[in-house]
Amino acid sequence: MMSSAYFVGRKAILEWLNTTFSMSLNKIEDMANGAVALQITDALFPGSVPMSKVRWDARTAPEMMANYKLLQQAFE
């Protein structure tokens, strides 16, 4: 049997993100630009992400790619 932790809904995930990181996400798709992943990574590994370089309002593919490159560098 699989644990119930595998079946957490979108609403619960959004609620956790919004309360833990003081965000105001309305839907999971708001995480697509990579900024939330960078914030979570920096919370887990303090100082691993230069938060001043994060593009919070990334809308285009090149802007989002810049965020994901920062994420990749943090994991390297």
C-alpha atoms as a PDB file:
ATOM      1  CA  MET A   1       0.000   0.000   0.000  1.00  0.00           C
ATOM      2  CA  MET A   2       1.153   3.499  -0.779  1.00  0.00           C
ATOM      3  CA  SER A   3       1.307   6.126   1.908  1.00  0.00           C
ATOM      4  CA  SER A   4      -1.323   8.853   1.921  1.00  0.00           C
ATOM      5  CA  ALA A   5       1.546  11.362   1.590  1.00  0.00           C
ATOM      6  CA  TYR A   6       1.665  10.449  -2.108  1.00  0.00           C
ATOM      7  CA  PHE A   7      -1.868  11.718  -2.575  1.00  0.00           C
ATOM      8  CA  VAL A   8      -1.635  15.293  -1.305  1.00  0.00           C
ATOM      9  CA  GLY A   9      -3.811  17.641  -3.332  1.00  0.00           C
ATOM     10  CA  ARG A  10      -2.883  20.881  -5.048  1.00  0.00           C
ATOM     11  CA  LYS A  11      -4.742  22.912  -2.472  1.00  0.00           C
ATOM     12  CA  ALA A  12      -2.728  21.432   0.404  1.00  0.00           C
ATOM     13  CA  ILE A  13       0.555  22.014  -1.421  1.00  0.00           C
ATOM     14  CA  LEU A  14      -0.348  25.623  -2.191  1.00  0.00           C
ATOM     15  CA  GLU A  15      -1.434  26.217   1.390  1.00  0.00           C
ATOM     16  CA  TRP A  16       1.869  24.829   2.691  1.00  0.00           C
ATOM     17  CA  LEU A  17       3.929  26.940   0.268  1.00  0.00           C
ATOM     18  CA  ASN A  18       1.961  30.104   1.006  1.00  0.00           C
ATOM     19  CA  THR A  19       2.226  29.734   4.782  1.00  0.00           C
ATOM     20  CA  THR A  20       5.807  28.465   4.948  1.00  0.00           C
ATOM     21  CA  PHE A  21       7.307  30.990   2.543  1.00  0.00           C
ATOM     22  CA  SER A  22       4.854  33.894   2.992  1.00  0.00           C
ATOM     23  CA  MET A  23       3.708  33.700  -0.607  1.00  0.00           C
ATOM     24  CA  SER A  24       0.421  34.313  -2.326  1.00  0.00           C
ATOM     25  CA  LEU A  25       0.328  31.619  -4.989  1.00  0.00           C
ATOM     26  CA  ASN A  26      -3.112  30.992  -6.460  1.00  0.00           C
ATOM     27  CA  LYS A  27      -2.362  27.921  -8.548  1.00  0.00           C
ATOM     28  CA  ILE A  28       0.436  25.407  -9.047  1.00  0.00           C
ATOM     29  CA  GLU A  29       1.194  26.877 -12.450  1.00  0.00           C
ATOM     30  CA  ASP A  30       2.447  30.036 -10.698  1.00  0.00           C
ATOM     31  CA  MET A  31       5.552  28.001  -9.822  1.00  0.00           C
ATOM     32  CA  ALA A  32       6.564  27.484 -13.457  1.00  0.00           C
ATOM     33  CA  ASN A  33       9.135  30.284 -13.576  1.00  0.00           C
ATOM     34  CA  GLY A  34      11.450  28.514 -11.109  1.00  0.00           C
ATOM     35  CA  ALA A  35      11.546  31.264  -8.480  1.00  0.00           C
ATOM     36  CA  VAL A  36       9.702  29.174  -5.887  1.00  0.00           C
ATOM     37  CA  ALA A  37      12.093  26.256  -6.411  1.00  0.00           C
ATOM     38  CA  LEU A  38      14.980  28.663  -5.855  1.00  0.00           C
ATOM     39  CA  GLN A  39      13.440  29.959  -2.643  1.00  0.00           C
ATOM     40  CA  ILE A  40      12.875  26.432  -1.324  1.00  0.00           C
ATOM     41  CA  THR A  41      16.439  25.465  -2.234  1.00  0.00           C
ATOM     42  CA  ASP A  42      17.818  28.511  -0.455  1.00  0.00           C
ATOM     43  CA  ALA A  43      15.729  27.687   2.609  1.00  0.00           C
ATOM     44  CA  LEU A  44      17.132  24.142   2.678  1.00  0.00           C
ATOM     45  CA  PHE A  45      20.705  25.153   1.827  1.00  0.00           C
ATOM     46  CA  PRO A  46      21.176  28.744   3.067  1.00  0.00           C
ATOM     47  CA  GLY A  47      23.433  30.847   0.876  1.00  0.00           C
ATOM     48  CA  SER A  48      23.341  28.392  -2.036  1.00  0.00           C
ATOM     49  CA  VAL A  49      21.250  30.719  -4.209  1.00  0.00           C
ATOM     50  CA  PRO A  50      22.081  34.355  -4.909  1.00  0.00           C
ATOM     51  CA  MET A  51      18.530  35.555  -4.246  1.00  0.00           C
ATOM     52  CA  SER A  52      19.275  39.000  -5.692  1.00  0.00           C
ATOM     53  CA  LYS A  53      19.603  37.353  -9.125  1.00  0.00           C
ATOM     54  CA  VAL A  54      16.242  35.555  -9.000  1.00  0.00           C
ATOM     55  CA  ARG A  55      13.751  36.865 -11.553  1.00  0.00           C
ATOM     56  CA  TRP A  56      10.506  36.759  -9.614  1.00  0.00           C
ATOM     57  CA  ASP A  57       8.436  38.145 -12.477  1.00  0.00           C
ATOM     58  CA  ALA A  58       9.871  35.878 -15.198  1.00  0.00           C
ATOM     59  CA  ARG A  59       7.316  35.451 -17.977  1.00  0.00           C
ATOM     60  CA  THR A  60       9.319  34.534 -21.081  1.00  0.00           C
ATOM     61  CA  ALA A  61      11.259  31.339 -21.694  1.00  0.00           C
ATOM     62  CA  PRO A  62      14.708  33.049 -21.558  1.00  0.00           C
ATOM     63  CA  GLU A  63      13.861  34.672 -18.209  1.00  0.00           C
ATOM     64  CA  MET A  64      12.658  31.344 -16.811  1.00  0.00           C
ATOM     65  CA  MET A  65      15.779  29.617 -18.124  1.00  0.00           C
ATOM     66  CA  ALA A  66      17.918  32.102 -16.198  1.00  0.00           C
ATOM     67  CA  ASN A  67      16.144  31.013 -13.007  1.00  0.00           C
ATOM     68  CA  TYR A  68      16.625  27.334 -13.799  1.00  0.00           C
ATOM     69  CA  LYS A  69      20.314  27.946 -14.518  1.00  0.00           C
ATOM     70  CA  LEU A  70      20.611  29.471 -11.043  1.00  0.00           C
ATOM     71  CA  LEU A  71      18.919  26.375  -9.646  1.00  0.00           C
ATOM     72  CA  GLN A  72      21.330  24.134 -11.527  1.00  0.00           C
ATOM     73  CA  GLN A  73      24.310  26.113 -10.189  1.00  0.00           C
ATOM     74  CA  ALA A  74      22.969  25.780  -6.642  1.00  0.00           C
ATOM     75  CA  PHE A  75      22.903  22.001  -6.958  1.00  0.00           C
ATOM     76  CA  GLU A  76      26.373  21.838  -8.462  1.00  0.00           C
END
